[in-house]
C-alpha atoms as a PDB file:
ATOM      1  CA  ILE A   1     -14.891   2.337   4.792  1.00  0.00           C
ATOM      2  CA  PRO A   2     -14.557   2.213   8.577  1.00  0.00           C
ATOM      3  CA  ILE A   3     -12.637  -0.761   9.933  1.00  0.00           C
ATOM      4  CA  PHE A   4     -15.614  -2.003  11.975  1.00  0.00           C
ATOM      5  CA  GLN A   5     -17.536  -2.595   8.728  1.00  0.00           C
ATOM      6  CA  LEU A   6     -14.902  -4.989   7.376  1.00  0.00           C
ATOM      7  CA  HIS A   7     -16.028  -8.154   9.127  1.00  0.00           C
ATOM      8  CA  TYR A   8     -14.957 -11.315   7.316  1.00  0.00           C
ATOM      9  CA  ASN A   9     -17.154 -14.386   6.956  1.00  0.00           C
ATOM     10  CA  GLY A  10     -14.388 -16.743   5.905  1.00  0.00           C
ATOM     11  CA  VAL A  11     -11.197 -16.858   3.867  1.00  0.00           C
ATOM     12  CA  PHE A  12     -12.781 -16.231   0.471  1.00  0.00           C
ATOM     13  CA  ASP A  13     -14.879 -13.371   1.826  1.00  0.00           C
ATOM     14  CA  CYS A  14     -11.690 -11.865   3.268  1.00  0.00           C
ATOM     15  CA  PHE A  15      -9.905 -12.115  -0.103  1.00  0.00           C
ATOM     16  CA  ALA A  16     -12.873 -10.531  -1.884  1.00  0.00           C
ATOM     17  CA  LYS A  17     -13.159  -7.637   0.572  1.00  0.00           C
ATOM     18  CA  MET A  18      -9.416  -7.015   0.575  1.00  0.00           C
ATOM     19  CA  TYR A  19      -9.465  -6.824  -3.227  1.00  0.00           C
ATOM     20  CA  ARG A  20     -12.552  -4.613  -3.305  1.00  0.00           C
ATOM     21  CA  HIS A  21     -11.404  -2.143  -0.619  1.00  0.00           C
ATOM     22  CA  GLU A  22      -7.606  -2.143  -0.944  1.00  0.00           C
ATOM     23  CA  GLY A  23      -6.785  -3.544  -4.392  1.00  0.00           C
ATOM     24  CA  ILE A  24      -4.812  -6.553  -5.587  1.00  0.00           C
ATOM     25  CA  SER A  25      -1.578  -5.323  -4.007  1.00  0.00           C
ATOM     26  CA  SER A  26      -3.111  -5.748  -0.542  1.00  0.00           C
ATOM     27  CA  TYR A  27      -2.407  -9.475  -0.802  1.00  0.00           C
ATOM     28  CA  TRP A  28       1.320  -8.739  -0.592  1.00  0.00           C
ATOM     29  CA  LYS A  29       1.345  -6.000   2.038  1.00  0.00           C
ATOM     30  CA  GLY A  30       4.189  -6.529   4.435  1.00  0.00           C
ATOM     31  CA  ILE A  31       6.054  -9.094   2.316  1.00  0.00           C
ATOM     32  CA  MET A  32       9.330  -7.140   2.093  1.00  0.00           C
ATOM     33  CA  PRO A  33      10.303  -7.242   5.816  1.00  0.00           C
ATOM     34  CA  PRO A  34      10.228 -11.064   6.014  1.00  0.00           C
ATOM     35  CA  ILE A  35      12.206 -11.294   2.779  1.00  0.00           C
ATOM     36  CA  LEU A  36      14.826  -8.882   4.127  1.00  0.00           C
ATOM     37  CA  ALA A  37      14.953 -10.608   7.509  1.00  0.00           C
ATOM     38  CA  GLU A  38      15.140 -14.232   6.370  1.00  0.00           C
ATOM     39  CA  THR A  39      18.878 -14.442   5.578  1.00  0.00           C
ATOM     40  CA  PRO A  40      20.137 -12.720   8.736  1.00  0.00           C
ATOM     41  CA  LYS A  41      17.563 -14.641  10.774  1.00  0.00           C
ATOM     42  CA  ARG A  42      18.856 -18.032   9.639  1.00  0.00           C
ATOM     43  CA  ALA A  43      22.495 -16.944   9.780  1.00  0.00           C
ATOM     44  CA  ILE A  44      22.138 -15.735  13.372  1.00  0.00           C
ATOM     45  CA  LYS A  45      20.262 -18.833  14.456  1.00  0.00           C
ATOM     46  CA  PHE A  46      22.726 -21.366  13.044  1.00  0.00           C
ATOM     47  CA  LEU A  47      25.887 -19.392  13.842  1.00  0.00           C
ATOM     48  CA  VAL A  48      24.939 -18.684  17.456  1.00  0.00           C
ATOM     49  CA  PHE A  49      23.697 -22.240  17.998  1.00  0.00           C
ATOM     50  CA  GLU A  50      26.920 -23.786  16.709  1.00  0.00           C
ATOM     51  CA  GLN A  51      29.162 -21.293  18.519  1.00  0.00           C
ATOM     52  CA  THR A  52      27.430 -21.642  21.885  1.00  0.00           C
ATOM     53  CA  LYS A  53      27.026 -25.421  21.804  1.00  0.00           C
ATOM     54  CA  PRO A  54      30.605 -26.083  23.062  1.00  0.00           C
ATOM     55  CA  LEU A  55      30.109 -23.537  25.860  1.00  0.00           C
ATOM     56  CA  PHE A  56      27.107 -25.471  27.133  1.00  0.00           C
ATOM     57  CA  GLN A  57      28.726 -28.922  27.085  1.00  0.00           C
ATOM     58  CA  PHE A  58      30.179 -28.169  30.528  1.00  0.00           C
ATOM     59  CA  GLY A  59      33.130 -30.533  30.020  1.00  0.00           C
ATOM     60  CA  SER A  60      31.076 -33.370  28.544  1.00  0.00           C
ATOM     61  CA  PRO A  61      32.708 -35.005  25.491  1.00  0.00           C
ATOM     62  CA  THR A  62      29.388 -35.002  23.632  1.00  0.00           C
ATOM     63  CA  PRO A  63      26.431 -32.615  23.625  1.00  0.00           C
ATOM     64  CA  THR A  64      23.605 -33.423  26.014  1.00  0.00           C
ATOM     65  CA  PRO A  65      19.932 -32.443  25.832  1.00  0.00           C
ATOM     66  CA  LEU A  66      20.781 -29.548  28.175  1.00  0.00           C
ATOM     67  CA  THR A  67      23.500 -28.445  25.731  1.00  0.00           C
ATOM     68  CA  PHE A  68      21.028 -28.325  22.845  1.00  0.00           C
ATOM     69  CA  SER A  69      18.382 -26.589  24.964  1.00  0.00           C
ATOM     70  CA  LEU A  70      20.680 -23.830  26.193  1.00  0.00           C
ATOM     71  CA  ALA A  71      22.305 -23.294  22.793  1.00  0.00           C
ATOM     72  CA  GLY A  72      18.854 -23.166  21.192  1.00  0.00           C
ATOM     73  CA  LEU A  73      17.583 -20.717  23.802  1.00  0.00           C
ATOM     74  CA  THR A  74      20.568 -18.428  23.230  1.00  0.00           C
ATOM     75  CA  ALA A  75      20.244 -18.609  19.447  1.00  0.00           C
ATOM     76  CA  GLY A  76      16.493 -18.042  19.560  1.00  0.00           C
ATOM     77  CA  THR A  77      16.814 -15.058  21.878  1.00  0.00           C
ATOM     78  CA  LEU A  78      19.396 -13.319  19.697  1.00  0.00           C
ATOM     79  CA  GLU A  79      17.404 -14.161  16.574  1.00  0.00           C
ATOM     80  CA  ALA A  80      14.264 -12.618  18.106  1.00  0.00           C
ATOM     81  CA  ILE A  81      16.115  -9.440  19.037  1.00  0.00           C
ATOM     82  CA  ALA A  82      17.466  -9.091  15.489  1.00  0.00           C
ATOM     83  CA  VAL A  83      14.237  -9.970  13.651  1.00  0.00           C
ATOM     84  CA  ASN A  84      11.653  -8.225  15.852  1.00  0.00           C
ATOM     85  CA  PRO A  85      11.956  -4.786  14.167  1.00  0.00           C
ATOM     86  CA  PHE A  86      11.196  -6.403  10.800  1.00  0.00           C
ATOM     87  CA  GLU A  87       8.099  -8.036  12.302  1.00  0.00           C
ATOM     88  CA  VAL A  88       6.905  -4.716  13.746  1.00  0.00           C
ATOM     89  CA  VAL A  89       7.167  -3.082  10.307  1.00  0.00           C
ATOM     90  CA  LYS A  90       5.465  -6.057   8.617  1.00  0.00           C
ATOM     91  CA  VAL A  91       2.515  -5.968  11.003  1.00  0.00           C
ATOM     92  CA  ALA A  92       2.181  -2.195  10.603  1.00  0.00           C
ATOM     93  CA  GLN A  93       2.079  -2.596   6.821  1.00  0.00           C
ATOM     94  CA  GLN A  94      -0.454  -5.405   6.964  1.00  0.00           C
ATOM     95  CA  ALA A  95      -2.706  -3.564   9.410  1.00  0.00           C
ATOM     96  CA  ASP A  96      -2.843  -0.456   7.222  1.00  0.00           C
ATOM     97  CA  ARG A  97      -6.121  -0.649   5.311  1.00  0.00           C
ATOM     98  CA  GLN A  98      -5.390   2.262   2.968  1.00  0.00           C
ATOM     99  CA  LYS A  99      -5.129   1.714  -0.770  1.00  0.00           C
ATOM    100  CA  LYS A 100      -1.821   3.560  -1.031  1.00  0.00           C
ATOM    101  CA  MET A 101       1.041   1.324  -0.077  1.00  0.00           C
ATOM    102  CA  LEU A 102       3.960   2.853   1.778  1.00  0.00           C
ATOM    103  CA  SER A 103       7.409   1.382   1.301  1.00  0.00           C
ATOM    104  CA  THR A 104       8.958  -0.721   4.034  1.00  0.00           C
ATOM    105  CA  PHE A 105      11.504   2.035   4.656  1.00  0.00           C
ATOM    106  CA  ALA A 106       8.767   4.702   4.928  1.00  0.00           C
ATOM    107  CA  VAL A 107       6.799   2.616   7.433  1.00  0.00           C
ATOM    108  CA  ALA A 108       9.922   1.951   9.539  1.00  0.00           C
ATOM    109  CA  LYS A 109      10.832   5.648   9.438  1.00  0.00           C
ATOM    110  CA  GLY A 110       7.292   6.567  10.541  1.00  0.00           C
ATOM    111  CA  ILE A 111       7.377   4.116  13.456  1.00  0.00           C
ATOM    112  CA  ILE A 112      10.741   5.479  14.603  1.00  0.00           C
ATOM    113  CA  LYS A 113       9.564   9.089  14.241  1.00  0.00           C
ATOM    114  CA  GLN A 114       6.318   8.488  16.144  1.00  0.00           C
ATOM    115  CA  ASP A 115       7.368   5.936  18.780  1.00  0.00           C
ATOM    116  CA  GLY A 116      11.172   5.684  18.638  1.00  0.00           C
ATOM    117  CA  LEU A 117      13.383   2.604  18.768  1.00  0.00           C
ATOM    118  CA  GLY A 118      12.358   1.389  22.230  1.00  0.00           C
ATOM    119  CA  PHE A 119       9.775  -1.056  23.501  1.00  0.00           C
ATOM    120  CA  SER A 120       6.853   1.058  22.279  1.00  0.00           C
ATOM    121  CA  GLY A 121       8.407   1.681  18.869  1.00  0.00           C
ATOM    122  CA  LEU A 122      10.474  -0.477  16.552  1.00  0.00           C
ATOM    123  CA  ASN A 123      11.114  -3.048  19.299  1.00  0.00           C
ATOM    124  CA  LYS A 124       7.506  -3.315  20.400  1.00  0.00           C
ATOM    125  CA  GLY A 125       6.585  -6.849  21.424  1.00  0.00           C
ATOM    126  CA  ILE A 126      10.133  -8.088  21.874  1.00  0.00           C
ATOM    127  CA  THR A 127       9.396  -9.287  25.393  1.00  0.00           C
END
C-alpha cells in the first residue's frame, strides 16, 4: 500500500490501519533505542549537571539561577549529543511501514552505511 493512501482519521483509525497493514508488532516499532538510551541519558544529565554546578557558581557560596541555567544547558547539550543517534534510529524504525521488522542494530548499520556518522547520517538533527 503506498504511503499516500495511509491517511489517518483519528487515533483509533491509526491503530486499526497500523494493525491491518503492518501487524501487531508495529505498535512497538522503535522501542529498543529509547530503552537502550534511557540509562546513559539520565546518568549524563545528572552527572554533568552536578559536576558543572560548582564551575558556574563564579565564587558565590550558593548556587544562583545563572548557575542552574548554565549547568542545565551544559548537561542538556551533552545529553543531546549522546542520545541523538538513538533517536535517529528510533525514528527510522517507526517511519518504516514494512511488515518485516529490522533490528535496532540492523537499522543503525544501514544508516551508517548509507549516510555515515555525520550530520546527514546517525547524527542527523543534532543541531
